[in-house]
N, C-alpha and C. Protein backbone atom coordinates (compact mmCIF):
# COMPACT_ATOMS: atom_id res chain seq x y z
N MET A 1 -47.53 14.88 44.69
CA MET A 1 -46.25 14.78 44.44
C MET A 1 -45.33 15.28 45.41
N VAL A 2 -44.59 14.73 46.44
CA VAL A 2 -44.03 15.52 47.34
C VAL A 2 -42.27 15.34 47.32
N PRO A 3 -41.77 16.51 46.91
CA PRO A 3 -40.33 16.60 46.55
C PRO A 3 -39.55 15.79 47.39
N GLN A 4 -38.35 15.25 46.98
CA GLN A 4 -37.72 14.48 48.03
C GLN A 4 -36.44 15.26 47.88
N SER A 5 -35.77 15.66 46.83
CA SER A 5 -34.43 16.33 47.40
C SER A 5 -34.43 17.42 46.23
N CYS A 6 -33.38 18.27 46.39
CA CYS A 6 -33.23 19.62 45.85
C CYS A 6 -32.02 19.21 45.17
N GLU A 7 -32.10 19.60 43.65
CA GLU A 7 -30.90 19.39 42.95
C GLU A 7 -31.02 20.75 41.88
N ARG A 8 -29.85 20.68 41.39
CA ARG A 8 -29.47 22.16 40.40
C ARG A 8 -30.26 21.82 38.99
N ASN A 9 -31.25 20.78 38.98
CA ASN A 9 -31.61 20.56 37.41
C ASN A 9 -32.86 21.55 37.18
N TYR A 10 -33.47 21.98 38.05
CA TYR A 10 -34.83 22.81 37.86
C TYR A 10 -34.56 24.15 38.75
N GLN A 11 -34.90 25.17 38.06
CA GLN A 11 -35.27 26.77 38.86
C GLN A 11 -36.50 26.81 39.42
N TYR A 12 -36.67 27.25 40.80
CA TYR A 12 -37.88 27.45 41.24
C TYR A 12 -37.96 28.80 41.70
N ARG A 13 -39.11 29.67 41.80
CA ARG A 13 -39.22 30.84 42.32
C ARG A 13 -39.32 30.90 43.50
N ARG A 14 -39.40 32.32 44.14
CA ARG A 14 -39.13 32.45 45.77
C ARG A 14 -40.69 31.98 46.29
N CYS A 15 -40.66 31.24 47.31
CA CYS A 15 -41.83 30.50 47.90
C CYS A 15 -41.78 30.70 49.43
N SER A 16 -42.84 30.28 50.02
CA SER A 16 -42.79 30.52 51.54
C SER A 16 -42.83 29.21 51.87
N MET A 17 -42.61 28.54 52.73
CA MET A 17 -42.90 26.94 53.14
C MET A 17 -43.68 27.21 54.25
N ARG A 18 -44.83 26.70 54.41
CA ARG A 18 -45.84 26.58 55.31
C ARG A 18 -45.62 25.79 56.72
N ARG A 19 -44.85 24.35 56.03
CA ARG A 19 -44.76 23.71 57.09
C ARG A 19 -43.46 22.30 56.56
N ALA A 20 -42.65 22.25 57.52
CA ALA A 20 -41.69 21.31 57.20
C ALA A 20 -41.70 20.43 58.26
N THR A 21 -41.94 19.18 57.98
CA THR A 21 -42.20 18.14 59.04
C THR A 21 -40.64 17.56 59.12
N GLY A 22 -40.04 17.08 60.49
CA GLY A 22 -38.93 16.22 60.58
C GLY A 22 -37.86 17.34 61.15
N PRO A 23 -36.84 16.84 61.94
CA PRO A 23 -35.77 17.47 62.06
C PRO A 23 -34.82 17.68 61.10
N LEU A 24 -34.16 19.18 61.38
CA LEU A 24 -33.19 19.25 60.36
C LEU A 24 -31.60 19.37 60.75
N ARG A 25 -30.79 18.66 60.37
CA ARG A 25 -29.38 18.99 61.17
C ARG A 25 -28.50 19.64 60.14
N MET A 26 -27.82 20.48 60.61
CA MET A 26 -26.92 21.50 60.12
C MET A 26 -25.75 21.61 61.06
N ARG A 27 -24.70 21.53 59.70
CA ARG A 27 -22.87 21.70 60.40
C ARG A 27 -22.80 22.71 61.21
N GLY A 28 -22.29 22.91 62.62
CA GLY A 28 -21.98 23.99 63.40
C GLY A 28 -23.40 24.52 64.12
N VAL A 29 -24.39 23.78 63.91
CA VAL A 29 -25.79 24.06 64.57
C VAL A 29 -26.13 23.03 65.60
N PRO A 30 -25.84 23.07 67.01
CA PRO A 30 -26.38 22.09 68.08
C PRO A 30 -28.20 22.10 67.88
N GLY A 31 -28.53 20.81 68.12
CA GLY A 31 -29.80 20.45 67.94
C GLY A 31 -30.28 20.76 66.53
N PRO A 32 -31.67 19.94 66.41
CA PRO A 32 -32.36 20.03 65.22
C PRO A 32 -33.21 21.51 64.90
N LEU A 33 -33.13 21.46 63.54
CA LEU A 33 -33.83 22.93 63.48
C LEU A 33 -35.42 22.71 62.75
N ARG A 34 -36.22 23.61 62.44
CA ARG A 34 -37.30 23.73 61.54
C ARG A 34 -37.50 24.69 60.65
N VAL A 35 -37.57 24.35 59.30
CA VAL A 35 -37.76 25.33 58.39
C VAL A 35 -39.24 26.12 58.48
N ARG A 36 -39.09 27.46 58.49
CA ARG A 36 -40.49 28.15 58.42
C ARG A 36 -41.04 28.84 57.15
N ARG A 37 -39.51 29.29 56.75
CA ARG A 37 -39.60 30.13 55.49
C ARG A 37 -38.53 29.86 54.51
N VAL A 38 -38.86 29.71 53.24
CA VAL A 38 -38.01 29.54 52.30
C VAL A 38 -37.94 31.06 51.57
N THR A 39 -36.86 31.79 51.34
CA THR A 39 -36.79 32.95 50.60
C THR A 39 -35.97 32.81 49.33
N GLY A 40 -34.95 31.75 49.34
CA GLY A 40 -34.32 31.52 47.92
C GLY A 40 -34.89 30.62 47.09
N PRO A 41 -34.14 30.41 45.95
CA PRO A 41 -35.08 29.53 44.69
C PRO A 41 -34.98 28.01 45.36
N LEU A 42 -35.66 27.51 44.99
CA LEU A 42 -35.99 26.15 45.77
C LEU A 42 -36.12 25.27 44.34
N ARG A 43 -34.91 24.31 43.93
CA ARG A 43 -34.79 23.10 43.24
C ARG A 43 -35.19 21.66 43.41
N VAL A 44 -36.49 21.22 43.18
CA VAL A 44 -36.53 19.87 43.33
C VAL A 44 -36.34 19.02 42.19
N ARG A 45 -35.77 17.78 42.09
CA ARG A 45 -35.70 17.00 41.12
C ARG A 45 -37.17 16.08 40.76
N GLY A 46 -37.15 15.78 39.58
CA GLY A 46 -38.48 15.34 39.18
C GLY A 46 -39.80 16.19 38.73
N VAL A 47 -39.75 17.54 39.08
CA VAL A 47 -40.62 18.44 39.14
C VAL A 47 -40.35 19.43 37.88
N PRO A 48 -41.43 19.14 36.86
CA PRO A 48 -40.76 20.50 35.97
C PRO A 48 -41.51 21.87 36.07
N GLY A 49 -41.11 22.47 35.59
CA GLY A 49 -41.77 23.97 35.56
C GLY A 49 -41.55 24.67 37.20
N PRO A 50 -41.93 25.87 37.32
CA PRO A 50 -41.94 26.59 38.54
C PRO A 50 -43.11 26.09 39.43
N LEU A 51 -42.22 26.05 40.82
CA LEU A 51 -43.33 25.64 41.88
C LEU A 51 -43.54 26.53 43.13
N ARG A 52 -44.74 26.78 43.26
CA ARG A 52 -44.81 27.25 44.59
C ARG A 52 -45.27 26.06 46.04
N VAL A 53 -44.97 26.49 46.91
CA VAL A 53 -45.30 25.41 47.76
C VAL A 53 -46.41 25.40 48.40
N ARG A 54 -46.91 26.64 48.24
CA ARG A 54 -48.54 26.80 48.83
C ARG A 54 -49.45 26.27 47.80
N ASP A 55 -49.09 26.03 46.63
CA ASP A 55 -49.58 25.31 45.87
C ASP A 55 -49.88 23.68 45.89
N LEU A 56 -49.11 23.17 46.83
CA LEU A 56 -48.83 21.94 46.73
C LEU A 56 -50.10 21.28 47.77
N PRO A 57 -50.80 20.11 47.47
CA PRO A 57 -51.89 19.73 48.34
C PRO A 57 -51.04 19.21 49.93
N GLY A 58 -51.67 19.80 50.96
CA GLY A 58 -51.07 18.97 52.20
C GLY A 58 -49.66 19.48 52.32
N PRO A 59 -48.89 19.03 53.71
CA PRO A 59 -47.73 19.73 53.93
C PRO A 59 -46.67 18.79 52.96
N LEU A 60 -45.63 19.82 53.27
CA LEU A 60 -44.18 19.32 52.31
C LEU A 60 -43.38 18.64 53.33
N ARG A 61 -43.18 17.34 53.01
CA ARG A 61 -42.00 16.78 53.51
C ARG A 61 -40.65 16.79 53.07
N VAL A 62 -39.39 17.13 53.44
CA VAL A 62 -38.37 17.29 52.97
C VAL A 62 -37.47 16.32 53.56
N ARG A 63 -37.06 15.20 52.76
CA ARG A 63 -36.05 14.41 53.49
C ARG A 63 -34.64 14.42 53.34
N ARG A 64 -34.02 15.08 52.33
CA ARG A 64 -32.76 15.22 52.40
C ARG A 64 -32.58 16.76 51.35
N VAL A 65 -31.87 17.09 51.77
CA VAL A 65 -31.32 18.61 51.02
C VAL A 65 -29.62 18.38 50.51
N THR A 66 -29.65 18.30 49.13
CA THR A 66 -28.24 18.48 48.70
C THR A 66 -27.70 19.69 48.39
N GLY A 67 -28.44 20.66 47.76
CA GLY A 67 -28.00 21.92 47.48
C GLY A 67 -27.56 22.94 48.77
N PRO A 68 -27.13 24.01 48.51
CA PRO A 68 -26.66 24.74 49.73
C PRO A 68 -28.07 25.15 50.25
N LEU A 69 -27.91 25.53 51.47
CA LEU A 69 -28.81 25.92 52.19
C LEU A 69 -28.57 27.14 53.20
N ARG A 70 -28.82 28.24 52.94
CA ARG A 70 -28.51 29.49 53.89
C ARG A 70 -29.04 29.71 54.82
N VAL A 71 -28.71 29.90 56.26
CA VAL A 71 -29.53 30.30 57.50
C VAL A 71 -28.96 31.42 57.99
N ARG A 72 -29.91 32.58 58.33
CA ARG A 72 -29.70 33.61 58.77
C ARG A 72 -28.62 33.58 60.07
N GLY A 73 -27.73 34.13 60.06
CA GLY A 73 -26.94 33.99 61.34
C GLY A 73 -25.90 32.76 61.67
N VAL A 74 -25.79 32.03 60.62
CA VAL A 74 -25.51 30.62 60.50
C VAL A 74 -24.43 30.38 59.43
N PRO A 75 -23.14 30.30 59.59
CA PRO A 75 -22.01 30.12 58.56
C PRO A 75 -22.15 28.58 58.24
N GLY A 76 -21.79 28.43 56.89
CA GLY A 76 -22.04 27.00 56.19
C GLY A 76 -23.12 27.15 55.42
N ALA A 77 -23.05 25.78 54.72
CA ALA A 77 -24.08 25.85 53.65
C ALA A 77 -24.63 24.36 53.46
N GLY A 78 -23.94 23.50 54.38
CA GLY A 78 -24.64 21.98 54.70
C GLY A 78 -25.67 21.90 55.39
N ALA A 79 -26.43 20.83 54.99
CA ALA A 79 -27.72 20.76 55.69
C ALA A 79 -28.06 19.38 55.44
N GLU A 80 -29.11 18.65 55.99
CA GLU A 80 -29.52 17.42 55.76
C GLU A 80 -30.82 17.18 57.00
N PHE A 81 -32.05 17.02 56.43
CA PHE A 81 -33.14 16.46 56.72
C PHE A 81 -32.66 15.02 57.37
N LEU A 82 -33.31 14.83 58.82
CA LEU A 82 -33.19 13.27 59.30
C LEU A 82 -34.39 12.63 58.77
N GLN A 83 -34.15 11.36 58.39
CA GLN A 83 -34.91 10.49 58.10
C GLN A 83 -35.78 9.60 59.02
């Protein structure tokens, strides 16, 4: 199962994302970004229980981020993966 979006409904443990496909658009950041590591809690709708990204088969594709996203050195929390 590929997580489609992040929600507040489920709490996830700290995890590292090995691969995220697709460009990422964030307010105040010129150009697309790529996610290399996730250090905060990850919430995914429709997936019960704790989840570690390395336990998922294959690459993780994130289509939309609806929760806050913090990037070191970048102010603001809004971000969305382009589809």
